PDB file of N, CA and C in Angstrom:
ATOM      1  N   MET A   1      52.725 131.264 138.024  1.00  0.00           N
ATOM      2  CA  MET A   1      51.262 131.876 137.858  1.00  0.00           C
ATOM      3  C   MET A   1      51.355 133.467 137.717  1.00  0.00           C
ATOM      4  N   ILE A   2      50.738 133.997 136.900  1.00  0.00           N
ATOM      5  CA  ILE A   2      50.721 135.671 136.818  1.00  0.00           C
ATOM      6  C   ILE A   2      49.428 135.927 137.543  1.00  0.00           C
ATOM      7  N   PHE A   3      49.479 136.906 138.459  1.00  0.00           N
ATOM      8  CA  PHE A   3      48.387 137.398 139.101  1.00  0.00           C
ATOM      9  C   PHE A   3      48.056 138.864 138.973  1.00  0.00           C
ATOM     10  N   ILE A   4      46.866 138.872 138.207  1.00  0.00           N
ATOM     11  CA  ILE A   4      46.603 140.319 137.702  1.00  0.00           C
ATOM     12  C   ILE A   4      45.451 140.958 138.393  1.00  0.00           C
ATOM     13  N   THR A   5      45.646 142.215 138.821  1.00  0.00           N
ATOM     14  CA  THR A   5      44.781 142.873 139.577  1.00  0.00           C
ATOM     15  C   THR A   5      44.368 144.197 139.239  1.00  0.00           C
ATOM     16  N   GLY A   6      43.306 144.810 139.573  1.00  0.00           N
ATOM     17  CA  GLY A   6      43.121 146.253 139.016  1.00  0.00           C
ATOM     18  C   GLY A   6      41.574 146.403 139.165  1.00  0.00           C
ATOM     19  N   PRO A   7      41.106 147.716 139.104  1.00  0.00           N
ATOM     20  CA  PRO A   7      39.702 147.948 139.114  1.00  0.00           C
ATOM     21  C   PRO A   7      38.997 147.322 138.149  1.00  0.00           C
ATOM     22  N   LEU A   8      37.587 147.540 138.343  1.00  0.00           N
ATOM     23  CA  LEU A   8      36.715 146.641 137.317  1.00  0.00           C
ATOM     24  C   LEU A   8      36.688 147.619 135.871  1.00  0.00           C
ATOM     25  N   PHE A   9      36.683 146.842 134.900  1.00  0.00           N
ATOM     26  CA  PHE A   9      36.715 147.287 133.540  1.00  0.00           C
ATOM     27  C   PHE A   9      38.072 148.055 133.276  1.00  0.00           C
ATOM     28  N   SER A  10      39.006 147.516 133.757  1.00  0.00           N
ATOM     29  CA  SER A  10      40.431 148.242 133.582  1.00  0.00           C
ATOM     30  C   SER A  10      41.245 147.779 132.473  1.00  0.00           C
ATOM     31  N   GLY A  11      40.758 146.614 131.956  1.00  0.00           N
ATOM     32  CA  GLY A  11      41.627 145.829 130.816  1.00  0.00           C
ATOM     33  C   GLY A  11      42.381 144.593 131.392  1.00  0.00           C
ATOM     34  N   LYS A  12      41.998 144.197 132.440  1.00  0.00           N
ATOM     35  CA  LYS A  12      42.803 143.002 133.082  1.00  0.00           C
ATOM     36  C   LYS A  12      42.630 141.836 132.119  1.00  0.00           C
ATOM     37  N   ARG A  13      41.454 141.483 131.805  1.00  0.00           N
ATOM     38  CA  ARG A  13      41.398 140.243 130.709  1.00  0.00           C
ATOM     39  C   ARG A  13      42.072 140.397 129.580  1.00  0.00           C
ATOM     40  N   ALA A  14      41.891 141.512 128.974  1.00  0.00           N
ATOM     41  CA  ALA A  14      42.420 141.897 127.606  1.00  0.00           C
ATOM     42  C   ALA A  14      44.180 141.846 127.745  1.00  0.00           C
ATOM     43  N   PHE A  15      44.587 142.372 128.875  1.00  0.00           N
ATOM     44  CA  PHE A  15      45.996 142.297 129.060  1.00  0.00           C
ATOM     45  C   PHE A  15      46.617 140.644 129.217  1.00  0.00           C
ATOM     46  N   ALA A  16      45.687 139.783 130.013  1.00  0.00           N
ATOM     47  CA  ALA A  16      46.052 138.660 130.212  1.00  0.00           C
ATOM     48  C   ALA A  16      46.081 137.731 128.904  1.00  0.00           C
ATOM     49  N   ARG A  17      44.974 137.991 128.026  1.00  0.00           N
ATOM     50  CA  ARG A  17      44.920 137.171 126.844  1.00  0.00           C
ATOM     51  C   ARG A  17      46.093 137.622 125.785  1.00  0.00           C
ATOM     52  N   MET A  18      46.397 138.851 125.827  1.00  0.00           N
ATOM     53  CA  MET A  18      47.533 139.214 125.094  1.00  0.00           C
ATOM     54  C   MET A  18      48.918 138.662 125.729  1.00  0.00           C
ATOM     55  N   LEU A  19      49.063 138.702 127.093  1.00  0.00           N
ATOM     56  CA  LEU A  19      50.156 138.153 127.764  1.00  0.00           C
ATOM     57  C   LEU A  19      50.340 136.595 127.467  1.00  0.00           C
ATOM     58  N   LEU A  20      49.209 135.958 127.465  1.00  0.00           N
ATOM     59  CA  LEU A  20      49.353 134.368 127.235  1.00  0.00           C
ATOM     60  C   LEU A  20      49.114 134.044 125.669  1.00  0.00           C
ATOM     61  N   ASP A  21      48.908 134.986 124.798  1.00  0.00           N
ATOM     62  CA  ASP A  21      48.806 134.876 123.400  1.00  0.00           C
ATOM     63  C   ASP A  21      47.784 133.809 123.157  1.00  0.00           C
ATOM     64  N   CYS A  22      46.549 134.113 123.550  1.00  0.00           N
ATOM     65  CA  CYS A  22      45.693 132.903 123.208  1.00  0.00           C
ATOM     66  C   CYS A  22      44.425 133.445 122.917  1.00  0.00           C
ATOM     67  N   GLY A  23      43.500 132.709 122.076  1.00  0.00           N
ATOM     68  CA  GLY A  23      42.032 133.140 121.874  1.00  0.00           C
ATOM     69  C   GLY A  23      41.162 132.688 123.163  1.00  0.00           C
ATOM     70  N   GLU A  24      39.840 133.224 122.834  1.00  0.00           N
ATOM     71  CA  GLU A  24      39.101 133.099 123.921  1.00  0.00           C
ATOM     72  C   GLU A  24      38.886 131.616 124.444  1.00  0.00           C
ATOM     73  N   GLU A  25      38.882 130.642 123.661  1.00  0.00           N
ATOM     74  CA  GLU A  25      38.694 129.392 124.222  1.00  0.00           C
ATOM     75  C   GLU A  25      39.634 128.756 124.937  1.00  0.00           C
ATOM     76  N   SER A  26      40.953 128.868 124.395  1.00  0.00           N
ATOM     77  CA  SER A  26      42.202 128.454 125.174  1.00  0.00           C
ATOM     78  C   SER A  26      42.283 129.386 126.605  1.00  0.00           C
ATOM     79  N   PHE A  27      41.936 130.699 126.423  1.00  0.00           N
ATOM     80  CA  PHE A  27      42.021 131.395 127.532  1.00  0.00           C
ATOM     81  C   PHE A  27      41.206 130.890 128.657  1.00  0.00           C
ATOM     82  N   ALA A  28      40.189 130.367 128.470  1.00  0.00           N
ATOM     83  CA  ALA A  28      39.221 129.977 129.663  1.00  0.00           C
ATOM     84  C   ALA A  28      39.811 128.684 130.270  1.00  0.00           C
ATOM     85  N   ALA A  29      40.651 127.936 129.577  1.00  0.00           N
ATOM     86  CA  ALA A  29      41.184 126.875 130.006  1.00  0.00           C
ATOM     87  C   ALA A  29      42.663 127.269 130.914  1.00  0.00           C
ATOM     88  N   ARG A  30      43.212 128.323 130.508  1.00  0.00           N
ATOM     89  CA  ARG A  30      44.384 128.600 131.001  1.00  0.00           C
ATOM     90  C   ARG A  30      44.439 129.690 132.263  1.00  0.00           C
ATOM     91  N   ALA A  31      43.259 130.391 132.249  1.00  0.00           N
ATOM     92  CA  ALA A  31      43.007 131.423 133.354  1.00  0.00           C
ATOM     93  C   ALA A  31      41.961 131.442 134.086  1.00  0.00           C
ATOM     94  N   VAL A  32      41.667 132.074 135.146  1.00  0.00           N
ATOM     95  CA  VAL A  32      40.398 132.066 135.808  1.00  0.00           C
ATOM     96  C   VAL A  32      40.305 133.744 136.077  1.00  0.00           C
ATOM     97  N   TRP A  33      38.943 134.247 136.198  1.00  0.00           N
ATOM     98  CA  TRP A  33      38.973 135.306 136.590  1.00  0.00           C
ATOM     99  C   TRP A  33      37.747 135.828 137.528  1.00  0.00           C
ATOM    100  N   ASP A  34      37.525 137.080 138.071  1.00  0.00           N
ATOM    101  CA  ASP A  34      36.566 137.214 139.182  1.00  0.00           C
ATOM    102  C   ASP A  34      36.704 136.503 140.421  1.00  0.00           C
ATOM    103  N   VAL A  35      38.071 136.077 140.736  1.00  0.00           N
ATOM    104  CA  VAL A  35      38.078 135.080 141.735  1.00  0.00           C
ATOM    105  C   VAL A  35      37.952 135.977 143.131  1.00  0.00           C
ATOM    106  N   GLN A  36      37.663 137.240 143.188  1.00  0.00           N
ATOM    107  CA  GLN A  36      37.257 137.904 144.441  1.00  0.00           C
ATOM    108  C   GLN A  36      35.985 137.287 145.052  1.00  0.00           C
ATOM    109  N   ASP A  37      35.037 136.986 143.909  1.00  0.00           N
ATOM    110  CA  ASP A  37      33.794 136.426 144.169  1.00  0.00           C
ATOM    111  C   ASP A  37      33.856 135.171 144.641  1.00  0.00           C
ATOM    112  N   LEU A  38      34.907 134.310 144.433  1.00  0.00           N
ATOM    113  CA  LEU A  38      34.994 132.961 145.208  1.00  0.00           C
ATOM    114  C   LEU A  38      35.474 132.852 146.551  1.00  0.00           C
ATOM    115  N   ALA A  39      35.866 134.227 146.973  1.00  0.00           N
ATOM    116  CA  ALA A  39      36.385 134.372 148.291  1.00  0.00           C
ATOM    117  C   ALA A  39      35.236 134.346 149.663  1.00  0.00           C
ATOM    118  N   ALA A  40      34.296 134.894 148.951  1.00  0.00           N
ATOM    119  CA  ALA A  40      33.047 135.139 150.037  1.00  0.00           C
ATOM    120  C   ALA A  40      32.555 133.861 150.493  1.00  0.00           C
ATOM    121  N   GLY A  41      32.561 133.687 151.697  1.00  0.00           N
ATOM    122  CA  GLY A  41      31.906 132.371 152.368  1.00  0.00           C
ATOM    123  C   GLY A  41      32.875 131.189 152.319  1.00  0.00           C
ATOM    124  N   CYS A  42      34.275 131.652 151.770  1.00  0.00           N
ATOM    125  CA  CYS A  42      35.212 130.340 151.514  1.00  0.00           C
ATOM    126  C   CYS A  42      35.722 130.090 152.851  1.00  0.00           C
ATOM    127  N   GLU A  43      35.663 128.664 153.313  1.00  0.00           N
ATOM    128  CA  GLU A  43      35.954 128.284 154.636  1.00  0.00           C
ATOM    129  C   GLU A  43      37.715 128.279 154.618  1.00  0.00           C
ATOM    130  N   ASP A  44      38.229 127.947 153.602  1.00  0.00           N
ATOM    131  CA  ASP A  44      39.753 127.648 153.414  1.00  0.00           C
ATOM    132  C   ASP A  44      40.362 128.611 152.341  1.00  0.00           C
ATOM    133  N   LEU A  45      40.518 129.749 152.557  1.00  0.00           N
ATOM    134  CA  LEU A  45      41.216 130.497 151.521  1.00  0.00           C
ATOM    135  C   LEU A  45      42.598 130.055 151.083  1.00  0.00           C
ATOM    136  N   GLU A  46      43.338 129.475 151.914  1.00  0.00           N
ATOM    137  CA  GLU A  46      44.816 128.908 151.730  1.00  0.00           C
ATOM    138  C   GLU A  46      44.617 127.724 150.469  1.00  0.00           C
ATOM    139  N   ALA A  47      43.500 126.890 150.720  1.00  0.00           N
ATOM    140  CA  ALA A  47      43.221 125.931 149.722  1.00  0.00           C
ATOM    141  C   ALA A  47      42.871 126.536 148.454  1.00  0.00           C
ATOM    142  N   LEU A  48      42.010 127.573 148.562  1.00  0.00           N
ATOM    143  CA  LEU A  48      41.615 127.986 147.486  1.00  0.00           C
ATOM    144  C   LEU A  48      42.581 128.834 146.607  1.00  0.00           C
ATOM    145  N   ALA A  49      43.440 129.438 147.305  1.00  0.00           N
ATOM    146  CA  ALA A  49      44.494 130.158 146.544  1.00  0.00           C
ATOM    147  C   ALA A  49      45.481 128.912 146.063  1.00  0.00           C
ATOM    148  N   GLU A  50      45.699 127.947 146.574  1.00  0.00           N
ATOM    149  CA  GLU A  50      46.500 126.871 146.219  1.00  0.00           C
ATOM    150  C   GLU A  50      45.931 126.268 144.688  1.00  0.00           C
ATOM    151  N   ALA A  51      44.649 125.967 144.840  1.00  0.00           N
ATOM    152  CA  ALA A  51      43.946 125.503 143.670  1.00  0.00           C
ATOM    153  C   ALA A  51      43.876 126.566 142.715  1.00  0.00           C
ATOM    154  N   LEU A  52      43.745 127.898 142.724  1.00  0.00           N
ATOM    155  CA  LEU A  52      43.832 128.798 141.728  1.00  0.00           C
ATOM    156  C   LEU A  52      45.042 129.091 141.093  1.00  0.00           C
ATOM    157  N   SER A  53      46.140 128.907 141.972  1.00  0.00           N
ATOM    158  CA  SER A  53      47.470 129.068 141.613  1.00  0.00           C
ATOM    159  C   SER A  53      48.045 127.950 140.453  1.00  0.00           C
ATOM    160  N   GLU A  54      47.294 127.012 140.199  1.00  0.00           N
ATOM    161  CA  GLU A  54      47.681 125.918 139.286  1.00  0.00           C
ATOM    162  C   GLU A  54      47.405 126.585 137.666  1.00  0.00           C
ATOM    163  N   LYS A  55      46.388 127.634 137.788  1.00  0.00           N
ATOM    164  CA  LYS A  55      46.089 128.309 136.372  1.00  0.00           C
ATOM    165  C   LYS A  55      47.475 129.275 135.927  1.00  0.00           C
ATOM    166  N   ASP A  56      47.533 129.429 134.648  1.00  0.00           N
ATOM    167  CA  ASP A  56      48.566 130.403 134.134  1.00  0.00           C
ATOM    168  C   ASP A  56      48.300 131.644 134.597  1.00  0.00           C
ATOM    169  N   ALA A  57      47.073 132.249 134.466  1.00  0.00           N
ATOM    170  CA  ALA A  57      46.851 133.603 135.044  1.00  0.00           C
ATOM    171  C   ALA A  57      45.544 133.705 135.859  1.00  0.00           C
ATOM    172  N   VAL A  58      45.849 134.216 136.770  1.00  0.00           N
ATOM    173  CA  VAL A  58      44.476 134.740 137.878  1.00  0.00           C
ATOM    174  C   VAL A  58      44.274 136.049 137.963  1.00  0.00           C
ATOM    175  N   ILE A  59      42.966 136.482 137.764  1.00  0.00           N
ATOM    176  CA  ILE A  59      42.537 137.939 137.742  1.00  0.00           C
ATOM    177  C   ILE A  59      41.629 138.069 138.819  1.00  0.00           C
ATOM    178  N   ALA A  60      41.880 139.140 139.515  1.00  0.00           N
ATOM    179  CA  ALA A  60      40.915 139.656 140.547  1.00  0.00           C
ATOM    180  C   ALA A  60      40.580 141.101 140.283  1.00  0.00           C
ATOM    181  N   THR A  61      39.274 141.434 140.509  1.00  0.00           N
ATOM    182  CA  THR A  61      38.911 142.670 140.576  1.00  0.00           C
ATOM    183  C   THR A  61      39.133 143.414 141.820  1.00  0.00           C
ATOM    184  N   GLU A  62      39.719 144.575 142.034  1.00  0.00           N
ATOM    185  CA  GLU A  62      40.148 145.298 143.432  1.00  0.00           C
ATOM    186  C   GLU A  62      38.742 145.619 143.889  1.00  0.00           C
ATOM    187  N   ILE A  63      38.339 145.368 144.981  1.00  0.00           N
ATOM    188  CA  ILE A  63      37.178 145.781 145.797  1.00  0.00           C
ATOM    189  C   ILE A  63      37.442 146.410 146.980  1.00  0.00           C
ATOM    190  N   GLY A  64      36.571 147.156 147.730  1.00  0.00           N
ATOM    191  CA  GLY A  64      36.966 147.828 149.039  1.00  0.00           C
ATOM    192  C   GLY A  64      37.632 148.958 149.131  1.00  0.00           C
ATOM    193  N   GLY A  65      37.851 149.712 147.920  1.00  0.00           N
ATOM    194  CA  GLY A  65      38.511 150.993 148.110  1.00  0.00           C
ATOM    195  C   GLY A  65      37.643 152.062 148.215  1.00  0.00           C
ATOM    196  N   GLY A  66      36.323 151.820 148.484  1.00  0.00           N
ATOM    197  CA  GLY A  66      35.299 152.981 148.826  1.00  0.00           C
ATOM    198  C   GLY A  66      34.714 152.841 150.240  1.00  0.00           C
ATOM    199  N   VAL A  67      33.526 153.091 150.272  1.00  0.00           N
ATOM    200  CA  VAL A  67      32.694 153.200 151.528  1.00  0.00           C
ATOM    201  C   VAL A  67      32.710 151.840 152.087  1.00  0.00           C
ATOM    202  N   VAL A  68      32.921 151.816 153.614  1.00  0.00           N
ATOM    203  CA  VAL A  68      32.665 150.395 154.231  1.00  0.00           C
ATOM    204  C   VAL A  68      31.247 150.019 154.227  1.00  0.00           C
ATOM    205  N   PRO A  69      30.929 148.847 153.576  1.00  0.00           N
ATOM    206  CA  PRO A  69      29.558 148.409 153.738  1.00  0.00           C
ATOM    207  C   PRO A  69      28.951 148.410 154.958  1.00  0.00           C
ATOM    208  N   MET A  70      27.792 148.799 155.440  1.00  0.00           N
ATOM    209  CA  MET A  70      27.048 148.407 156.816  1.00  0.00           C
ATOM    210  C   MET A  70      26.674 147.275 157.070  1.00  0.00           C
ATOM    211  N   ASP A  71      26.421 146.180 155.861  1.00  0.00           N
ATOM    212  CA  ASP A  71      26.291 144.909 156.242  1.00  0.00           C
ATOM    213  C   ASP A  71      27.403 144.112 156.504  1.00  0.00           C
ATOM    214  N   PRO A  72      27.320 143.415 157.672  1.00  0.00           N
ATOM    215  CA  PRO A  72      28.556 142.611 158.157  1.00  0.00           C
ATOM    216  C   PRO A  72      28.822 141.511 157.015  1.00  0.00           C
ATOM    217  N   ALA A  73      28.022 140.772 156.431  1.00  0.00           N
ATOM    218  CA  ALA A  73      28.344 140.147 155.176  1.00  0.00           C
ATOM    219  C   ALA A  73      29.332 140.565 154.313  1.00  0.00           C
ATOM    220  N   GLU A  74      28.787 141.857 153.729  1.00  0.00           N
ATOM    221  CA  GLU A  74      29.484 142.320 152.924  1.00  0.00           C
ATOM    222  C   GLU A  74      30.758 142.816 153.139  1.00  0.00           C
ATOM    223  N   ARG A  75      31.000 143.287 154.465  1.00  0.00           N
ATOM    224  CA  ARG A  75      32.363 143.476 154.875  1.00  0.00           C
ATOM    225  C   ARG A  75      33.168 142.286 155.129  1.00  0.00           C
ATOM    226  N   SER A  76      32.740 141.116 155.569  1.00  0.00           N
ATOM    227  CA  SER A  76      33.445 139.937 155.476  1.00  0.00           C
ATOM    228  C   SER A  76      33.696 139.567 154.254  1.00  0.00           C
ATOM    229  N   ALA A  77      33.027 139.599 153.167  1.00  0.00           N
ATOM    230  CA  ALA A  77      33.222 139.273 151.894  1.00  0.00           C
ATOM    231  C   ALA A  77      34.653 139.902 151.255  1.00  0.00           C
ATOM    232  N   ARG A  78      34.541 141.373 151.695  1.00  0.00           N
ATOM    233  CA  ARG A  78      35.506 142.329 151.150  1.00  0.00           C
ATOM    234  C   ARG A  78      36.858 141.978 151.828  1.00  0.00           C
ATOM    235  N   GLU A  79      36.764 141.643 153.117  1.00  0.00           N
ATOM    236  CA  GLU A  79      38.067 141.146 153.884  1.00  0.00           C
ATOM    237  C   GLU A  79      38.450 139.809 153.366  1.00  0.00           C
ATOM    238  N   ALA A  80      37.668 138.934 153.012  1.00  0.00           N
ATOM    239  CA  ALA A  80      38.082 137.536 152.402  1.00  0.00           C
ATOM    240  C   ALA A  80      38.812 137.825 150.962  1.00  0.00           C
ATOM    241  N   ALA A  81      38.039 138.638 150.240  1.00  0.00           N
ATOM    242  CA  ALA A  81      38.741 138.998 148.856  1.00  0.00           C
ATOM    243  C   ALA A  81      40.207 139.569 149.117  1.00  0.00           C
ATOM    244  N   GLY A  82      40.236 140.475 150.029  1.00  0.00           N
ATOM    245  CA  GLY A  82      41.552 141.191 150.138  1.00  0.00           C
ATOM    246  C   GLY A  82      42.467 140.170 150.496  1.00  0.00           C
ATOM    247  N   ARG A  83      42.285 139.257 151.480  1.00  0.00           N
ATOM    248  CA  ARG A  83      43.149 138.253 152.113  1.00  0.00           C
ATOM    249  C   ARG A  83      43.449 137.176 150.931  1.00  0.00           C
ATOM    250  N   LEU A  84      42.596 136.865 149.995  1.00  0.00           N
ATOM    251  CA  LEU A  84      42.848 135.919 148.777  1.00  0.00           C
ATOM    252  C   LEU A  84      43.820 136.476 147.901  1.00  0.00           C
ATOM    253  N   SER A  85      43.533 137.994 147.660  1.00  0.00           N
ATOM    254  CA  SER A  85      44.460 138.438 146.955  1.00  0.00           C
ATOM    255  C   SER A  85      45.925 138.508 147.467  1.00  0.00           C
ATOM    256  N   CYS A  86      45.830 138.602 148.586  1.00  0.00           N
ATOM    257  CA  CYS A  86      47.312 138.487 149.274  1.00  0.00           C
ATOM    258  C   CYS A  86      47.935 137.190 149.104  1.00  0.00           C
ATOM    259  N   LEU A  87      47.110 136.120 149.343  1.00  0.00           N
ATOM    260  CA  LEU A  87      47.800 134.761 149.236  1.00  0.00           C
ATOM    261  C   LEU A  87      48.170 134.425 147.895  1.00  0.00           C
ATOM    262  N   LEU A  88      47.212 134.936 146.727  1.00  0.00           N
ATOM    263  CA  LEU A  88      47.649 134.833 145.385  1.00  0.00           C
ATOM    264  C   LEU A  88      48.922 135.584 144.960  1.00  0.00           C
ATOM    265  N   ALA A  89      49.030 136.693 145.702  1.00  0.00           N
ATOM    266  CA  ALA A  89      50.274 137.483 145.322  1.00  0.00           C
ATOM    267  C   ALA A  89      51.598 136.833 145.906  1.00  0.00           C
ATOM    268  N   GLN A  90      51.301 136.239 147.006  1.00  0.00           N
ATOM    269  CA  GLN A  90      52.708 135.576 147.473  1.00  0.00           C
ATOM    270  C   GLN A  90      53.058 134.307 146.600  1.00  0.00           C
ATOM    271  N   ARG A  91      51.989 133.697 146.068  1.00  0.00           N
ATOM    272  CA  ARG A  91      52.275 132.437 145.513  1.00  0.00           C
ATOM    273  C   ARG A  91      52.810 132.765 143.912  1.00  0.00           C
ATOM    274  N   ALA A  92      52.312 133.968 143.504  1.00  0.00           N
ATOM    275  CA  ALA A  92      52.685 134.412 141.964  1.00  0.00           C
ATOM    276  C   ALA A  92      53.936 134.729 141.846  1.00  0.00           C
ATOM    277  N   GLU A  93      54.532 134.187 140.489  1.00  0.00           N
ATOM    278  CA  GLU A  93      55.874 134.467 140.215  1.00  0.00           C
ATOM    279  C   GLU A  93      55.788 135.972 139.646  1.00  0.00           C
ATOM    280  N   THR A  94      54.686 136.615 139.053  1.00  0.00           N
ATOM    281  CA  THR A  94      54.644 137.638 138.724  1.00  0.00           C
ATOM    282  C   THR A  94      53.320 138.396 139.165  1.00  0.00           C
ATOM    283  N   VAL A  95      53.378 139.566 139.635  1.00  0.00           N
ATOM    284  CA  VAL A  95      52.021 140.241 140.075  1.00  0.00           C
ATOM    285  C   VAL A  95      51.833 141.696 139.196  1.00  0.00           C
ATOM    286  N   VAL A  96      50.812 141.899 138.663  1.00  0.00           N
ATOM    287  CA  VAL A  96      50.865 142.997 137.573  1.00  0.00           C
ATOM    288  C   VAL A  96      49.333 143.589 138.171  1.00  0.00           C
ATOM    289  N   ARG A  97      49.341 144.981 138.099  1.00  0.00           N
ATOM    290  CA  ARG A  97      48.234 145.769 138.430  1.00  0.00           C
ATOM    291  C   ARG A  97      48.001 146.515 137.090  1.00  0.00           C
ATOM    292  N   VAL A  98      46.706 146.298 136.541  1.00  0.00           N
ATOM    293  CA  VAL A  98      46.235 147.137 135.395  1.00  0.00           C
ATOM    294  C   VAL A  98      45.483 148.084 135.714  1.00  0.00           C
ATOM    295  N   PHE A  99      45.546 149.343 135.252  1.00  0.00           N
ATOM    296  CA  PHE A  99      44.746 150.513 135.549  1.00  0.00           C
ATOM    297  C   PHE A  99      44.642 151.310 134.437  1.00  0.00           C
ATOM    298  N   CYS A 100      43.318 151.680 133.768  1.00  0.00           N
ATOM    299  CA  CYS A 100      43.364 152.256 132.606  1.00  0.00           C
ATOM    300  C   CYS A 100      44.087 151.456 131.402  1.00  0.00           C
ATOM    301  N   GLY A 101      43.985 150.245 131.395  1.00  0.00           N
ATOM    302  CA  GLY A 101      44.576 149.453 130.216  1.00  0.00           C
ATOM    303  C   GLY A 101      46.207 149.392 130.360  1.00  0.00           C
ATOM    304  N   ILE A 102      46.616 150.225 131.477  1.00  0.00           N
ATOM    305  CA  ILE A 102      48.381 150.121 131.493  1.00  0.00           C
ATOM    306  C   ILE A 102      48.733 149.221 132.739  1.00  0.00           C
ATOM    307  N   PRO A 103      49.456 148.314 132.211  1.00  0.00           N
ATOM    308  CA  PRO A 103      50.062 147.310 133.180  1.00  0.00           C
ATOM    309  C   PRO A 103      51.208 147.962 134.100  1.00  0.00           C
ATOM    310  N   ALA A 104      51.199 147.712 135.331  1.00  0.00           N
ATOM    311  CA  ALA A 104      52.259 148.060 136.237  1.00  0.00           C
ATOM    312  C   ALA A 104      52.788 146.535 136.863  1.00  0.00           C
ATOM    313  N   VAL A 105      53.711 146.396 136.617  1.00  0.00           N
ATOM    314  CA  VAL A 105      54.547 145.080 137.359  1.00  0.00           C
ATOM    315  C   VAL A 105      54.782 145.482 138.921  1.00  0.00           C
ATOM    316  N   LEU A 106      54.290 144.735 139.844  1.00  0.00           N
ATOM    317  CA  LEU A 106      54.432 144.881 140.966  1.00  0.00           C
ATOM    318  C   LEU A 106      55.449 143.784 141.758  1.00  0.00           C
ATOM    319  N   LYS A 107      55.417 142.818 140.996  1.00  0.00           N
ATOM    320  CA  LYS A 107      56.367 141.820 141.567  1.00  0.00           C
ATOM    321  C   LYS A 107      56.746 140.965 140.262  1.00  0.00           C
ATOM    322  N   GLY A 108      58.228 140.558 140.205  1.00  0.00           N
ATOM    323  CA  GLY A 108      58.709 139.617 139.146  1.00  0.00           C
ATOM    324  C   GLY A 108      58.831 140.591 137.664  1.00  0.00           C
ATOM    325  N   THR A 109      58.800 139.790 136.837  1.00  0.00           N
ATOM    326  CA  THR A 109      58.997 140.213 135.468  1.00  0.00           C
ATOM    327  C   THR A 109      57.974 139.631 134.485  1.00  0.00           C
ATOM    328  N   LEU A 110      57.672 140.402 133.511  1.00  0.00           N
ATOM    329  CA  LEU A 110      56.681 139.999 132.385  1.00  0.00           C
ATOM    330  C   LEU A 110      57.448 138.832 131.536  1.00  0.00           C
ATOM    331  N   PRO A 111      56.828 137.915 131.006  1.00  0.00           N
ATOM    332  CA  PRO A 111      57.382 136.971 130.322  1.00  0.00           C
ATOM    333  C   PRO A 111      57.640 137.530 128.765  1.00  0.00           C
TER     334      PRO A 111
END
């Protein structure tokens, strides 16, 4: 599994589609994106990470780099998203951060 992360609208999905060499329809079957949203309220992040790692590519938007929210539920959701990203990175063969459309390999090598 390739784990791709980076800021919102940084080119993560376009990079993943290019990397997997697939069209929009087959991309939806081979990849999952916005997984940070799945972490909020998840009772078992380990199980979620295990299920997500079955895909060829998993994409998460980085959150939490700004002001800490006052709302406890928002803080909890950000923490869960960060923990899920850590779990996915551990399971991934390759981890890539895309920033301004430029991929930076953090772990492994690109296929």
